[in-house]
N, C-alpha and C. Protein backbone atom coordinates (compact mmCIF):
# COMPACT_ATOMS: atom_id res chain seq x y z
N MET A 1 -87.59 -69.04 41.12
CA MET A 1 -88.23 -70.03 40.34
C MET A 1 -89.20 -69.29 39.28
N SER A 2 -89.12 -69.64 38.26
CA SER A 2 -90.08 -69.09 37.15
C SER A 2 -91.47 -69.71 37.17
N ARG A 3 -92.45 -68.98 36.90
CA ARG A 3 -93.89 -69.46 36.91
C ARG A 3 -94.04 -70.21 35.56
N TYR A 4 -93.19 -70.00 34.61
CA TYR A 4 -93.48 -70.64 33.23
C TYR A 4 -93.01 -71.97 33.22
N LEU A 5 -93.88 -72.77 32.49
CA LEU A 5 -93.55 -74.10 32.22
C LEU A 5 -92.35 -74.23 31.22
N LEU A 6 -91.51 -75.25 31.50
CA LEU A 6 -90.45 -75.59 30.46
C LEU A 6 -91.27 -76.34 29.36
N PRO A 7 -90.86 -76.42 28.23
CA PRO A 7 -91.48 -77.13 27.15
C PRO A 7 -91.81 -78.69 27.52
N GLU A 8 -90.85 -79.29 28.18
CA GLU A 8 -91.09 -80.70 28.56
C GLU A 8 -92.22 -80.74 29.58
N GLN A 9 -92.20 -79.74 30.61
CA GLN A 9 -93.14 -79.72 31.70
C GLN A 9 -94.64 -79.52 31.03
N LEU A 10 -94.62 -78.53 30.18
CA LEU A 10 -95.82 -78.23 29.43
C LEU A 10 -96.44 -79.39 28.84
N LYS A 11 -95.79 -80.15 28.01
CA LYS A 11 -96.33 -81.39 27.30
C LYS A 11 -96.58 -82.43 28.29
N SER A 12 -95.83 -82.52 29.31
CA SER A 12 -96.13 -83.68 30.33
C SER A 12 -97.40 -83.32 31.14
N ASN A 13 -97.52 -82.06 31.49
CA ASN A 13 -98.80 -81.66 32.32
C ASN A 13 -99.97 -81.84 31.34
N LEU A 14 -99.82 -81.64 30.12
CA LEU A 14 -101.01 -81.73 29.21
C LEU A 14 -101.44 -83.12 28.98
N ARG A 15 -100.36 -83.92 28.95
CA ARG A 15 -100.69 -85.54 28.70
C ARG A 15 -101.25 -85.98 30.00
N LEU A 16 -100.91 -85.43 31.19
CA LEU A 16 -101.40 -85.96 32.42
C LEU A 16 -102.85 -85.40 32.78
N GLY A 17 -103.17 -84.48 31.83
CA GLY A 17 -104.56 -83.89 32.08
C GLY A 17 -104.63 -82.68 32.91
N LYS A 18 -103.49 -81.94 33.14
CA LYS A 18 -103.42 -80.79 33.85
C LYS A 18 -103.41 -79.55 32.86
N SER A 19 -104.41 -78.72 33.11
CA SER A 19 -104.71 -77.59 32.19
C SER A 19 -103.56 -76.49 32.20
N VAL A 20 -103.38 -75.82 31.15
CA VAL A 20 -102.38 -74.82 31.13
C VAL A 20 -103.03 -73.50 30.50
N GLU A 21 -102.45 -72.39 30.72
CA GLU A 21 -103.00 -71.11 30.28
C GLU A 21 -101.87 -70.34 29.69
N GLN A 22 -102.19 -69.32 28.84
CA GLN A 22 -101.15 -68.37 28.38
C GLN A 22 -101.81 -66.97 28.15
N TRP A 23 -101.27 -65.96 28.74
CA TRP A 23 -101.67 -64.60 28.58
C TRP A 23 -101.23 -64.09 27.17
N LEU A 24 -102.19 -63.57 26.46
CA LEU A 24 -101.86 -63.12 25.12
C LEU A 24 -101.77 -61.58 25.04
N GLY A 25 -102.13 -60.90 25.98
CA GLY A 25 -102.03 -59.46 26.01
C GLY A 25 -103.37 -58.79 26.13
N HIS A 26 -103.28 -57.54 25.60
CA HIS A 26 -104.53 -56.77 25.70
C HIS A 26 -104.77 -55.78 24.48
N GLN A 27 -105.93 -55.36 24.22
CA GLN A 27 -106.22 -54.43 23.21
C GLN A 27 -107.09 -53.35 23.69
N GLN A 28 -106.84 -52.15 23.37
CA GLN A 28 -107.46 -50.87 23.71
C GLN A 28 -108.76 -50.86 22.67
N GLU A 29 -110.02 -50.70 23.27
CA GLU A 29 -111.08 -50.47 22.43
C GLU A 29 -111.67 -49.11 23.04
N ASP A 30 -112.72 -48.70 22.26
CA ASP A 30 -113.43 -47.36 22.70
C ASP A 30 -113.95 -47.49 24.21
N GLY A 31 -113.07 -46.91 25.07
CA GLY A 31 -113.65 -46.78 26.42
C GLY A 31 -113.29 -48.04 27.26
N TYR A 32 -112.75 -48.91 26.67
CA TYR A 32 -112.43 -50.19 27.65
C TYR A 32 -111.25 -50.95 27.14
N VAL A 33 -110.73 -51.86 27.89
CA VAL A 33 -109.49 -52.75 27.37
C VAL A 33 -110.03 -54.23 27.37
N ILE A 34 -109.62 -54.89 26.24
CA ILE A 34 -109.90 -56.29 26.22
C ILE A 34 -108.59 -57.10 26.68
N LEU A 35 -108.85 -58.06 27.58
CA LEU A 35 -107.65 -58.93 27.98
C LEU A 35 -107.94 -60.23 27.27
N LYS A 36 -106.93 -60.72 26.64
CA LYS A 36 -106.95 -61.99 25.88
C LYS A 36 -105.98 -63.11 26.48
N TYR A 37 -106.43 -64.39 26.55
CA TYR A 37 -105.66 -65.46 26.83
C TYR A 37 -106.18 -66.78 26.34
N ILE A 38 -105.36 -67.78 26.53
CA ILE A 38 -105.84 -69.10 25.96
C ILE A 38 -105.71 -70.05 27.16
N ALA A 39 -106.42 -71.14 27.06
CA ALA A 39 -106.38 -72.22 27.95
C ALA A 39 -106.36 -73.46 27.23
N ILE A 40 -105.52 -74.50 27.54
CA ILE A 40 -105.56 -75.83 26.95
C ILE A 40 -105.78 -76.85 27.99
N GLU A 41 -106.72 -77.69 27.66
CA GLU A 41 -107.32 -78.90 28.50
C GLU A 41 -107.32 -80.17 27.88
N LYS A 42 -107.00 -81.17 28.62
CA LYS A 42 -107.24 -82.56 28.05
C LYS A 42 -108.71 -82.94 28.37
N GLU A 43 -109.45 -83.44 27.35
CA GLU A 43 -110.75 -83.90 27.38
C GLU A 43 -110.86 -85.31 27.97
N ARG A 44 -111.99 -85.70 28.35
CA ARG A 44 -112.07 -87.19 28.87
C ARG A 44 -111.98 -88.13 27.68
N ASN A 45 -112.17 -87.71 26.56
CA ASN A 45 -112.11 -88.66 25.35
C ASN A 45 -110.70 -88.64 24.79
N GLY A 46 -109.75 -87.95 25.30
CA GLY A 46 -108.42 -87.94 25.10
C GLY A 46 -107.88 -86.75 24.12
N GLU A 47 -108.85 -86.10 23.65
CA GLU A 47 -108.58 -84.83 22.77
C GLU A 47 -108.15 -83.80 23.66
N TYR A 48 -107.49 -82.75 23.05
CA TYR A 48 -107.08 -81.54 23.66
C TYR A 48 -107.81 -80.31 23.06
N SER A 49 -108.50 -79.58 24.07
CA SER A 49 -109.13 -78.39 23.72
C SER A 49 -108.33 -77.20 23.92
N LEU A 50 -108.49 -76.30 22.94
CA LEU A 50 -107.88 -74.92 23.27
C LEU A 50 -109.00 -73.95 23.19
N LEU A 51 -108.97 -73.16 24.25
CA LEU A 51 -110.06 -72.11 24.55
C LEU A 51 -109.38 -70.86 24.30
N TYR A 52 -109.97 -69.88 23.43
CA TYR A 52 -109.44 -68.50 23.35
C TYR A 52 -110.56 -67.70 23.95
N MET A 53 -110.06 -66.84 24.96
CA MET A 53 -111.21 -65.90 25.58
C MET A 53 -110.67 -64.48 25.72
N GLU A 54 -111.67 -63.63 25.68
CA GLU A 54 -111.37 -62.28 25.73
C GLU A 54 -112.44 -61.72 26.82
N HIS A 55 -111.86 -61.09 27.83
CA HIS A 55 -112.58 -60.43 28.92
C HIS A 55 -112.46 -58.93 28.84
N ILE A 56 -113.43 -58.21 29.33
CA ILE A 56 -113.27 -56.79 29.63
C ILE A 56 -112.44 -56.53 30.85
N ASP A 57 -111.56 -55.70 30.72
CA ASP A 57 -110.60 -55.49 31.93
C ASP A 57 -111.51 -54.72 33.04
N GLU A 58 -111.76 -55.49 34.11
CA GLU A 58 -112.58 -54.83 35.12
C GLU A 58 -111.86 -54.93 36.53
N GLY A 59 -110.56 -55.15 36.41
CA GLY A 59 -109.82 -55.47 37.58
C GLY A 59 -108.95 -54.34 37.98
N ASN A 60 -108.15 -54.63 39.20
CA ASN A 60 -107.31 -53.66 39.70
C ASN A 60 -106.31 -54.56 40.65
N GLU A 61 -105.48 -53.89 41.27
CA GLU A 61 -104.42 -54.54 42.09
C GLU A 61 -105.07 -55.40 43.19
N SER A 62 -106.22 -55.07 43.65
CA SER A 62 -106.86 -55.80 44.71
C SER A 62 -107.99 -56.79 44.18
N PHE A 63 -108.22 -56.75 42.80
CA PHE A 63 -109.26 -57.64 42.13
C PHE A 63 -108.50 -58.23 40.83
N LEU A 64 -107.92 -59.36 40.93
CA LEU A 64 -107.12 -59.92 39.92
C LEU A 64 -107.69 -61.10 39.27
N ASP A 65 -108.97 -61.50 39.74
CA ASP A 65 -109.54 -62.82 39.24
C ASP A 65 -110.24 -62.54 37.92
N ILE A 66 -109.44 -62.82 36.86
CA ILE A 66 -109.80 -62.48 35.48
C ILE A 66 -110.95 -63.41 35.04
N TYR A 67 -111.14 -64.71 35.79
CA TYR A 67 -112.12 -65.46 35.44
C TYR A 67 -113.56 -64.87 35.85
N ASP A 68 -113.56 -63.89 36.72
CA ASP A 68 -114.69 -63.20 37.10
C ASP A 68 -115.15 -61.97 36.19
N PHE A 69 -114.24 -61.56 35.38
CA PHE A 69 -114.47 -60.39 34.53
C PHE A 69 -115.41 -60.78 33.48
N SER A 70 -116.27 -59.71 32.87
CA SER A 70 -117.25 -59.89 31.89
C SER A 70 -116.57 -60.32 30.63
N TYR A 71 -117.20 -61.28 29.90
CA TYR A 71 -116.74 -61.57 28.52
C TYR A 71 -117.06 -60.44 27.60
N VAL A 72 -116.31 -60.27 26.63
CA VAL A 72 -116.53 -59.36 25.54
C VAL A 72 -117.88 -59.76 24.82
N ASP A 73 -118.12 -61.08 24.60
CA ASP A 73 -119.14 -61.59 23.97
C ASP A 73 -119.80 -62.71 24.86
N PRO A 74 -120.76 -62.27 25.74
CA PRO A 74 -121.28 -63.21 26.81
C PRO A 74 -121.99 -64.47 26.10
N ASP A 75 -122.57 -64.17 24.86
CA ASP A 75 -123.18 -65.25 24.12
C ASP A 75 -122.28 -66.28 23.55
N GLU A 76 -121.00 -66.00 23.47
CA GLU A 76 -119.92 -66.93 22.91
C GLU A 76 -118.64 -66.58 23.78
N PRO A 77 -118.60 -67.05 25.04
CA PRO A 77 -117.58 -66.68 25.84
C PRO A 77 -116.04 -67.17 25.51
N ALA A 78 -116.13 -68.31 24.73
CA ALA A 78 -114.81 -68.81 24.36
C ALA A 78 -114.83 -69.39 22.91
N VAL A 79 -113.82 -69.23 22.17
CA VAL A 79 -113.64 -69.98 20.98
C VAL A 79 -112.86 -71.32 21.24
N ILE A 80 -113.45 -72.32 20.90
CA ILE A 80 -113.04 -73.74 21.28
C ILE A 80 -112.59 -74.58 19.94
N ASN A 81 -111.46 -75.05 20.05
CA ASN A 81 -110.92 -75.94 18.91
C ASN A 81 -110.42 -77.27 19.53
N LEU A 82 -110.63 -78.35 18.83
CA LEU A 82 -110.25 -79.70 19.48
C LEU A 82 -109.19 -80.28 18.61
N PHE A 83 -108.19 -81.02 19.21
CA PHE A 83 -107.07 -81.56 18.58
C PHE A 83 -106.85 -83.01 19.17
N ASP A 84 -106.11 -83.77 18.33
CA ASP A 84 -105.84 -85.14 18.71
C ASP A 84 -104.59 -85.34 19.54
N SER A 85 -103.62 -84.28 19.51
CA SER A 85 -102.40 -84.55 20.08
C SER A 85 -101.88 -83.26 20.64
N VAL A 86 -100.95 -83.29 21.64
CA VAL A 86 -100.43 -82.12 22.31
C VAL A 86 -99.65 -81.20 21.22
N GLU A 87 -98.93 -82.03 20.40
CA GLU A 87 -98.15 -81.15 19.29
C GLU A 87 -99.20 -80.39 18.42
N GLU A 88 -100.20 -81.02 18.06
CA GLU A 88 -101.20 -80.19 17.22
C GLU A 88 -101.77 -79.07 17.75
N VAL A 89 -102.18 -79.21 19.11
CA VAL A 89 -102.85 -77.99 19.88
C VAL A 89 -101.68 -77.01 20.10
N LEU A 90 -100.49 -77.24 20.44
CA LEU A 90 -99.55 -76.27 20.66
C LEU A 90 -99.08 -75.70 19.33
N ASP A 91 -99.09 -76.33 18.21
CA ASP A 91 -98.74 -75.63 17.02
C ASP A 91 -99.92 -74.63 16.46
N PHE A 92 -101.00 -75.14 16.87
CA PHE A 92 -102.32 -74.21 16.42
C PHE A 92 -102.18 -72.94 17.34
N ALA A 93 -101.91 -73.10 18.63
CA ALA A 93 -101.89 -71.88 19.30
C ALA A 93 -100.83 -70.88 18.94
N LEU A 94 -99.56 -71.53 18.58
CA LEU A 94 -98.56 -70.67 18.04
C LEU A 94 -99.03 -70.00 16.74
N ASN A 95 -99.45 -70.72 15.72
CA ASN A 95 -99.69 -70.18 14.47
C ASN A 95 -101.03 -69.34 14.46
N THR A 96 -102.06 -69.56 15.28
CA THR A 96 -103.26 -68.92 15.19
C THR A 96 -103.30 -67.64 16.10
N TYR A 97 -102.68 -67.84 17.35
CA TYR A 97 -102.84 -66.76 18.38
C TYR A 97 -101.47 -66.14 18.76
N GLY A 98 -100.33 -66.71 18.15
CA GLY A 98 -98.99 -66.09 18.55
C GLY A 98 -98.59 -66.52 19.82
N ALA A 99 -99.07 -67.64 20.31
CA ALA A 99 -98.60 -68.17 21.61
C ALA A 99 -97.11 -68.52 21.52
N SER A 100 -96.48 -68.42 22.75
CA SER A 100 -95.12 -68.82 22.79
C SER A 100 -94.95 -70.16 23.61
N LEU A 101 -94.04 -70.99 23.11
CA LEU A 101 -93.96 -72.18 23.75
C LEU A 101 -93.38 -72.07 25.31
N ASP A 102 -92.64 -70.93 25.53
CA ASP A 102 -92.08 -70.78 26.93
C ASP A 102 -92.88 -69.82 27.74
N LYS A 103 -94.11 -69.45 27.45
CA LYS A 103 -94.98 -68.60 28.19
C LYS A 103 -96.09 -69.20 28.93
N TYR A 104 -96.17 -70.52 28.81
CA TYR A 104 -97.42 -71.18 29.50
C TYR A 104 -97.21 -71.20 31.09
N VAL A 105 -98.28 -71.09 31.71
CA VAL A 105 -98.50 -71.36 33.17
C VAL A 105 -99.41 -72.36 33.38
N SER A 106 -99.41 -72.89 34.73
CA SER A 106 -100.29 -73.81 35.13
C SER A 106 -101.76 -73.14 35.20
N ALA A 107 -102.74 -73.79 35.16
CA ALA A 107 -104.08 -73.24 35.28
C ALA A 107 -104.16 -72.64 36.59
N GLY A 108 -104.88 -71.41 36.73
CA GLY A 108 -104.95 -70.66 37.84
C GLY A 108 -103.79 -69.60 37.90
N MET A 109 -103.02 -69.65 37.22
CA MET A 109 -101.81 -68.64 37.45
C MET A 109 -101.91 -67.39 36.37
N ILE A 110 -103.07 -67.43 35.67
CA ILE A 110 -103.32 -66.33 34.77
C ILE A 110 -103.44 -65.06 35.45
N GLN A 111 -103.96 -65.08 36.78
CA GLN A 111 -104.05 -63.88 37.60
C GLN A 111 -102.63 -63.36 37.77
N GLU A 112 -101.52 -64.00 37.92
CA GLU A 112 -100.22 -63.48 38.20
C GLU A 112 -99.86 -62.74 36.82
N GLU A 113 -100.16 -63.29 35.67
CA GLU A 113 -99.83 -62.62 34.36
C GLU A 113 -100.58 -61.31 34.41
N TYR A 114 -101.92 -61.26 34.78
CA TYR A 114 -102.70 -60.05 34.89
C TYR A 114 -101.89 -59.02 35.81
N ALA A 115 -101.54 -59.55 36.95
CA ALA A 115 -100.93 -58.57 37.95
C ALA A 115 -99.66 -57.86 37.21
N ASP A 116 -98.94 -58.76 36.62
CA ASP A 116 -97.69 -58.20 35.76
C ASP A 116 -98.15 -57.15 34.75
N TYR A 117 -99.18 -57.46 34.04
CA TYR A 117 -99.74 -56.39 33.13
C TYR A 117 -100.17 -55.13 33.86
N LEU A 118 -100.80 -55.24 35.04
CA LEU A 118 -101.26 -53.97 35.84
C LEU A 118 -100.00 -53.17 36.13
N ASN A 119 -99.05 -54.03 36.65
CA ASN A 119 -97.66 -53.25 37.15
C ASN A 119 -97.05 -52.59 36.01
N GLU A 120 -97.05 -53.10 34.82
CA GLU A 120 -96.34 -52.64 33.73
C GLU A 120 -97.13 -51.48 32.87
N ARG A 121 -98.35 -51.27 33.05
CA ARG A 121 -99.00 -50.23 32.45
C ARG A 121 -98.89 -48.92 33.11
């Protein structure tokens, strides 16, 4: 069974208020690695928020909790954009961050994506 949500599941989960995430990869900097991912959530007012986050890679095979890693910019931990519809937020993620419609996971599964990254490097 794949951890990735099918497009129909993705849209249904978002409309029901379930958050989703997507691993966007990593970037090598001077002496450290930046991990990038997005999260999409439904707000109480019905809007959809897209959060883009960058963390410093501080993990290993026994410490996968990317949420606990330091932010690249602790003063501005996430870039947040708001949208009126599921279609708008998904289009923005695709066009702005290169997200793929078939690579979203349920919230909390980003650690599995990070584990895959560790195994591949």
